[in-house]
Amino acid sequence: MFLGPLALTGCTRSDEPPSLPPVGVYEHDAAGENSQAEPAPTDGTAGALTRPLREAGWFCAQVRANADGRALWCRIGQRDEADTVYPQVAQFLLDRDDRLAWAWFWSTQAKHEDDQVGAAAAQALTASWPDTGDRVRQEIDDFHRDLQARTTRRSDDIRRAGWRDTHADYSYDRLNGLVVTARDTSVRRWPFGSEHYATTMSSAVEDLLAGGYNCFYPPQQDCNRPQSNGYFRVHLRGDQIVSAQFGIGSLIESGRQRHLLSQEFPHGLTFLTEAVRRPVTERIEQSRRSGTGFAGIVAGTVVIIDARRGAVNEDDLVAYFDIQIGAPLAATW
């Protein structure tokens, strides 16, 4: 049967999965960059895309914009039996006319039985392109069914499903999740701003070293603190910090914090700008006192706090926190 240009390309072996990010989209000068995060719009295309995710408990925000488009970032933390959090993320890029130009759905969860990526993508894309969801589910289900049926596989056999419809080109694999590229619109200059909330890595290294981190920058962007099993890692554009993640514990004894933030950041969170440093720090300290997580916007800055609580008594608390400040650029991890 002849199916024309919309034919299913199916599961194909490819040594060249789609480039993340697409080539050249961040190779431009600032174009009216706005890095102040705000809640995801509830109307228009942005509202349609994020509504099913928000209703399912996801946190969604418009994380940056410029003269050509705007980037949305959605995230939910899935916990396993050991209380380990596996983030699941959806990213959307809209053009200046409020049309979906690009999307990416992925999860760090190793198990795929529940098809988290396919479920999230089908719900979000159907809201914008009503005839898309069933096809997305079918293609991803077929991919995993075929993968499980293969009893032998070469280690270099990279499996990928690719298909297209009237709206977009789609590419799916287990490493990168689902990448969606619209066929009738694009954004030439993707937003990259982060100056509202973040400083540069070169200006932050000295304070990290003072706090006990092993940090050799450049080129190292992943620093460790052996004394507390802590870590600090960043996503960068040049020297500019785009997002930062770090782990820190909390020890409350008789109602008092025994593990002060200053033990690891003796001069405070100097990788943040002065405009947001105090309110973001206060939000982190609130979670460290209560042992609770958080996902939201503080002073125009995305703040994600995943809490793992240990022993909890009336006035005592032991917990560890994985903290993210800012969202990475679209199409980056």
Protein backbone atom coordinates (compact mmCIF):
# COMPACT_ATOMS: atom_id res chain seq x y z
CA MET A 1 0.00 0.00 0.00
CA PHE A 2 1.40 3.40 -1.00
CA LEU A 3 1.20 5.88 1.90
CA GLY A 4 3.00 8.84 0.36
CA PRO A 5 5.10 11.34 2.33
CA LEU A 6 3.37 10.59 5.64
CA ALA A 7 4.56 6.98 5.65
CA LEU A 8 5.82 5.56 8.93
CA THR A 9 9.59 5.36 8.99
CA GLY A 10 9.31 2.99 11.95
CA CYS A 11 12.11 1.75 14.20
CA THR A 12 15.36 2.50 12.43
CA ARG A 13 19.00 2.12 13.28
CA SER A 14 20.67 5.50 13.24
CA ASP A 15 24.06 6.71 14.42
CA GLU A 16 22.83 10.30 14.22
CA PRO A 17 19.84 11.00 16.47
CA PRO A 18 18.41 14.53 16.30
CA SER A 19 20.85 17.13 17.55
CA LEU A 20 20.09 18.47 21.03
CA PRO A 21 19.99 21.40 20.82
CA PRO A 22 19.48 21.88 17.09
CA VAL A 23 22.56 23.32 15.41
CA GLY A 24 22.94 27.09 15.62
CA VAL A 25 19.82 28.00 17.61
CA TYR A 26 21.84 29.61 20.43
CA GLU A 27 24.57 31.10 18.25
CA HIS A 28 23.23 34.64 18.25
CA ASP A 29 23.56 37.89 20.15
CA ALA A 30 20.99 38.81 22.77
CA ALA A 31 17.62 39.44 21.14
CA GLY A 32 15.55 41.11 23.83
CA GLU A 33 16.27 38.29 26.27
CA ASN A 34 13.99 38.01 29.31
CA SER A 35 15.03 35.46 31.95
CA GLN A 36 12.43 36.33 34.59
CA ALA A 37 10.29 33.24 35.08
CA GLU A 38 6.53 33.48 35.39
CA PRO A 39 3.70 30.95 35.73
CA ALA A 40 2.86 29.19 32.49
CA PRO A 41 0.08 31.11 30.72
CA THR A 42 -3.35 29.55 31.08
CA ASP A 43 -4.61 30.72 27.71
CA GLY A 44 -3.54 30.26 24.10
CA THR A 45 -1.23 27.50 22.94
CA ALA A 46 0.83 27.60 26.14
CA GLY A 47 -2.26 27.05 28.25
CA ALA A 48 -3.48 24.19 26.05
CA LEU A 49 -0.11 22.41 26.13
CA THR A 50 0.49 22.69 29.87
CA ARG A 51 -3.06 22.33 31.21
CA PRO A 52 -3.16 18.49 31.22
CA LEU A 53 0.27 18.38 32.82
CA ARG A 54 -0.59 20.93 35.49
CA GLU A 55 -3.81 19.05 36.26
CA ALA A 56 -1.70 15.91 36.76
CA GLY A 57 0.50 17.67 39.32
CA TRP A 58 3.32 19.00 37.15
CA PHE A 59 4.99 22.35 37.81
CA CYS A 60 5.04 24.47 34.63
CA ALA A 61 6.54 27.90 33.99
CA GLN A 62 7.51 30.20 31.18
CA VAL A 63 11.21 30.29 31.94
CA ARG A 64 12.58 32.67 29.30
CA ALA A 65 11.63 34.61 26.20
CA ASN A 66 13.11 36.84 23.53
CA ALA A 67 12.09 38.70 20.38
CA ASP A 68 11.52 35.46 18.43
CA GLY A 69 9.93 33.07 20.90
CA ARG A 70 9.38 31.84 24.43
CA ALA A 71 10.35 28.69 26.29
CA LEU A 72 8.13 26.70 28.66
CA TRP A 73 9.49 24.16 31.13
CA CYS A 74 7.39 21.56 32.99
CA ARG A 75 8.63 19.11 35.59
CA ILE A 76 7.36 16.46 37.99
CA GLY A 77 9.34 14.31 40.42
CA GLN A 78 8.51 10.60 40.35
CA ARG A 79 9.53 8.71 43.51
CA ASP A 80 10.47 5.04 43.72
CA GLU A 81 10.22 2.65 46.66
CA ALA A 82 13.52 3.94 48.07
CA ASP A 83 12.22 7.55 48.00
CA THR A 84 14.61 8.45 45.19
CA VAL A 85 13.25 11.17 42.91
CA TYR A 86 13.38 10.69 39.14
CA PRO A 87 12.55 13.93 37.33
CA GLN A 88 10.30 13.86 34.30
CA VAL A 89 10.50 16.95 32.13
CA ALA A 90 8.67 18.49 29.19
CA GLN A 91 9.99 21.49 27.27
CA PHE A 92 8.12 23.59 24.72
CA LEU A 93 9.26 26.36 22.38
CA LEU A 94 6.61 28.69 20.96
CA ASP A 95 7.15 31.21 18.18
CA ARG A 96 6.17 34.89 18.35
CA ASP A 97 2.73 34.02 16.91
CA ASP A 98 1.97 31.58 19.76
CA ARG A 99 2.48 28.47 17.63
CA LEU A 100 4.26 25.34 18.91
CA ALA A 101 7.61 25.10 17.11
CA TRP A 102 9.42 22.40 19.10
CA ALA A 103 8.90 20.10 22.09
CA TRP A 104 10.87 17.54 24.07
CA PHE A 105 9.62 14.93 26.56
CA TRP A 106 12.01 12.83 28.62
CA SER A 107 12.38 11.10 31.97
CA THR A 108 15.31 9.92 34.08
CA GLN A 109 13.26 6.95 35.25
CA ALA A 110 14.96 3.75 34.08
CA LYS A 111 11.73 1.75 34.00
CA HIS A 112 9.51 2.26 30.98
CA GLU A 113 6.64 -0.11 31.75
CA ASP A 114 4.32 2.79 32.57
CA ASP A 115 5.31 4.72 29.41
CA GLN A 116 5.61 8.01 31.24
CA VAL A 117 7.04 9.84 28.24
CA GLY A 118 4.32 8.68 25.87
CA ALA A 119 1.53 9.47 28.31
CA ALA A 120 2.75 13.01 28.97
CA ALA A 121 3.41 13.73 25.30
CA ALA A 122 0.05 12.40 24.16
CA GLN A 123 -1.83 14.51 26.69
CA ALA A 124 0.04 17.73 25.96
CA LEU A 125 0.21 17.45 22.17
CA THR A 126 -3.42 16.40 21.79
CA ALA A 127 -4.46 19.66 23.41
CA SER A 128 -2.71 21.56 20.62
CA TRP A 129 -3.00 19.05 17.75
CA PRO A 130 -6.12 16.92 18.48
CA ASP A 131 -5.26 14.07 16.09
CA THR A 132 -1.73 13.52 17.45
CA GLY A 133 -2.01 11.77 20.83
CA ASP A 134 -3.14 8.32 19.72
CA ARG A 135 -0.38 8.14 17.11
CA VAL A 136 2.28 9.13 19.64
CA ARG A 137 1.15 6.41 22.06
CA GLN A 138 1.00 3.81 19.32
CA GLU A 139 4.47 4.56 17.96
CA ILE A 140 6.12 4.54 21.38
CA ASP A 141 4.25 1.37 22.43
CA ASP A 142 5.32 -0.34 19.19
CA PHE A 143 8.91 0.76 19.77
CA HIS A 144 9.08 -0.82 23.24
CA ARG A 145 7.24 -3.94 22.11
CA ASP A 146 9.73 -4.41 19.30
CA LEU A 147 12.66 -3.73 21.61
CA GLN A 148 11.49 -6.33 24.14
CA ALA A 149 10.98 -8.90 21.37
CA ARG A 150 14.59 -8.68 20.29
CA THR A 151 16.52 -11.33 22.23
CA THR A 152 19.91 -10.29 20.85
CA ARG A 153 21.18 -6.82 20.15
CA ARG A 154 24.58 -5.42 19.33
CA SER A 155 25.87 -2.90 21.85
CA ASP A 156 26.18 -0.28 19.10
CA ASP A 157 22.69 -0.89 17.71
CA ILE A 158 21.02 2.43 18.48
CA ARG A 159 17.29 1.97 18.16
CA ARG A 160 15.13 4.91 17.21
CA ALA A 161 11.56 5.39 16.03
CA GLY A 162 10.84 8.18 13.59
CA TRP A 163 7.58 9.28 12.00
CA ARG A 164 5.81 12.38 10.75
CA ASP A 165 2.32 13.74 10.31
CA THR A 166 0.83 16.97 9.02
CA HIS A 167 1.98 18.82 12.15
CA ALA A 168 5.53 17.71 12.94
CA ASP A 169 8.44 15.31 12.65
CA TYR A 170 8.89 12.98 15.62
CA SER A 171 11.92 11.07 16.91
CA TYR A 172 11.92 8.73 19.90
CA ASP A 173 14.57 6.64 21.64
CA ARG A 174 15.11 5.48 25.20
CA LEU A 175 17.97 7.88 25.89
CA ASN A 176 16.60 11.15 24.51
CA GLY A 177 12.87 10.51 24.84
CA LEU A 178 10.56 12.17 22.32
CA VAL A 179 11.67 15.15 20.22
CA VAL A 180 8.98 16.98 18.25
CA THR A 181 9.83 19.46 15.49
CA ALA A 182 6.92 21.36 13.95
CA ARG A 183 6.76 21.40 10.15
CA ASP A 184 5.07 24.75 9.53
CA THR A 185 6.91 27.05 11.94
CA SER A 186 10.27 27.53 13.58
CA VAL A 187 12.14 29.87 15.90
CA ARG A 188 15.42 31.14 14.47
CA ARG A 189 16.91 32.60 17.68
CA TRP A 190 16.09 30.51 20.75
CA PRO A 191 15.89 32.36 24.12
CA PHE A 192 18.99 31.91 26.28
CA GLY A 193 18.79 34.53 29.04
CA SER A 194 19.60 33.88 32.71
CA GLU A 195 21.12 37.16 33.88
CA HIS A 196 18.09 37.97 36.03
CA TYR A 197 18.92 35.27 38.56
CA ALA A 198 22.42 33.87 37.91
CA THR A 199 26.01 35.14 37.86
CA THR A 200 29.00 33.56 36.12
CA MET A 201 30.79 30.36 37.03
CA SER A 202 34.19 32.06 37.14
CA SER A 203 32.93 34.48 39.79
CA ALA A 204 31.45 31.64 41.88
CA VAL A 205 34.41 29.23 41.95
CA GLU A 206 36.36 30.97 44.71
CA ASP A 207 33.41 30.78 47.10
CA LEU A 208 32.81 27.14 46.23
CA LEU A 209 36.44 26.34 47.04
CA ALA A 210 36.09 28.21 50.36
CA GLY A 211 33.11 26.00 51.17
CA GLY A 212 35.07 22.78 50.71
CA TYR A 213 34.12 21.91 47.14
CA ASN A 214 36.62 20.29 44.82
CA CYS A 215 36.11 22.49 41.80
CA PHE A 216 38.51 23.04 38.91
CA TYR A 217 36.95 25.51 36.50
CA PRO A 218 37.43 25.73 33.65
CA PRO A 219 36.57 23.18 32.41
CA GLN A 220 34.92 21.37 35.34
CA GLN A 221 31.21 22.12 35.75
CA ASP A 222 30.52 19.39 38.30
CA CYS A 223 32.01 19.97 41.75
CA ASN A 224 31.96 17.66 44.77
CA ARG A 225 32.17 18.27 48.51
CA PRO A 226 33.48 15.04 50.11
CA GLN A 227 32.91 16.20 53.71
CA SER A 228 29.13 16.20 53.31
CA ASN A 229 28.52 14.04 50.22
CA GLY A 230 27.53 17.28 48.54
CA TYR A 231 27.66 18.26 44.89
CA PHE A 232 27.34 21.41 42.82
CA ARG A 233 26.85 21.36 39.06
CA VAL A 234 25.84 23.91 36.52
CA HIS A 235 24.60 24.30 32.97
CA LEU A 236 26.41 27.11 31.22
CA ARG A 237 26.26 29.28 28.13
CA GLY A 238 29.84 30.37 27.87
CA ASP A 239 30.72 31.43 31.41
CA GLN A 240 27.16 32.46 32.27
CA ILE A 241 25.31 30.12 34.64
CA VAL A 242 21.94 29.07 33.22
CA SER A 243 20.90 26.64 35.94
CA ALA A 244 22.55 25.24 39.07
CA GLN A 245 21.92 22.10 41.10
CA PHE A 246 23.36 21.20 44.47
CA GLY A 247 22.77 18.78 47.32
CA ILE A 248 22.80 19.72 50.99
CA GLY A 249 21.69 18.10 54.21
CA SER A 250 19.75 19.40 57.18
CA LEU A 251 20.18 18.43 60.82
CA ILE A 252 17.65 19.83 63.28
CA GLU A 253 18.31 19.03 66.92
CA SER A 254 16.09 20.41 69.67
CA GLY A 255 14.52 22.68 67.10
CA ARG A 256 17.83 24.25 66.00
CA GLN A 257 19.63 23.93 62.66
CA ARG A 258 23.01 22.28 63.31
CA HIS A 259 24.12 22.14 59.66
CA LEU A 260 24.27 25.77 58.65
CA LEU A 261 24.13 26.78 55.00
CA SER A 262 27.28 28.83 55.61
CA GLN A 263 29.26 25.62 56.21
CA GLU A 264 29.05 24.91 52.49
CA PHE A 265 28.47 28.43 51.16
CA PRO A 266 30.42 30.68 53.56
CA HIS A 267 29.58 33.83 51.58
CA GLY A 268 26.04 32.79 50.70
CA LEU A 269 24.68 31.65 47.35
CA THR A 270 26.93 33.97 45.36
CA PHE A 271 26.18 32.17 42.10
CA LEU A 272 22.83 33.99 42.32
CA THR A 273 22.36 37.68 41.60
CA GLU A 274 21.78 40.05 44.47
CA ALA A 275 18.24 40.66 43.21
CA VAL A 276 17.13 37.09 43.97
CA ARG A 277 19.70 35.75 46.45
CA ARG A 278 17.90 36.58 49.69
CA PRO A 279 14.36 35.35 48.80
CA VAL A 280 15.69 32.16 47.19
CA THR A 281 17.90 31.47 50.22
CA GLU A 282 14.95 32.01 52.56
CA ARG A 283 12.84 29.55 50.55
CA ILE A 284 15.61 26.93 50.74
CA GLU A 285 16.03 27.44 54.48
CA GLN A 286 12.29 27.06 54.98
CA SER A 287 12.43 23.63 53.34
CA ARG A 288 15.52 22.68 55.33
CA ARG A 289 13.73 23.53 58.59
CA SER A 290 10.53 21.68 57.70
CA GLY A 291 11.94 18.77 55.69
CA THR A 292 9.55 19.47 52.83
CA GLY A 293 10.01 19.89 49.08
CA PHE A 294 9.04 22.77 46.85
CA ALA A 295 8.49 23.51 43.17
CA GLY A 296 7.70 27.06 42.18
CA ILE A 297 8.87 30.54 41.26
CA VAL A 298 10.65 32.75 43.79
CA ALA A 299 11.53 36.32 42.81
CA GLY A 300 11.18 35.42 39.14
CA THR A 301 13.41 32.37 39.56
CA VAL A 302 12.56 28.69 39.16
CA VAL A 303 13.31 26.82 42.40
CA ILE A 304 12.96 23.03 42.72
CA ILE A 305 13.63 21.33 46.06
CA ASP A 306 13.39 17.54 46.38
CA ALA A 307 13.47 16.39 50.00
CA ARG A 308 14.49 12.98 51.31
CA ARG A 309 13.64 12.77 55.00
CA GLY A 310 15.40 10.50 57.42
CA ALA A 311 14.76 10.30 61.16
CA VAL A 312 12.07 12.70 62.33
CA ASN A 313 11.18 13.31 65.95
CA GLU A 314 9.27 16.07 67.68
CA ASP A 315 12.08 18.65 67.55
CA ASP A 316 14.60 16.70 65.47
CA LEU A 317 14.97 16.23 61.74
CA VAL A 318 17.51 14.64 59.43
CA ALA A 319 17.02 15.20 55.71
CA TYR A 320 18.86 15.63 52.41
CA PHE A 321 17.83 18.04 49.68
CA ASP A 322 18.48 18.10 45.95
CA ILE A 323 18.00 21.69 44.84
CA GLN A 324 17.74 23.18 41.37
CA ILE A 325 17.73 26.90 40.65
CA GLY A 326 16.84 28.06 37.16
CA ALA A 327 15.82 25.91 34.20
CA PRO A 328 18.30 24.68 31.58
CA LEU A 329 18.08 25.99 28.04
CA ALA A 330 15.53 24.26 25.83
CA ALA A 331 16.90 21.06 24.29
CA THR A 332 19.63 20.75 26.94
CA TRP A 333 19.71 18.51 29.99
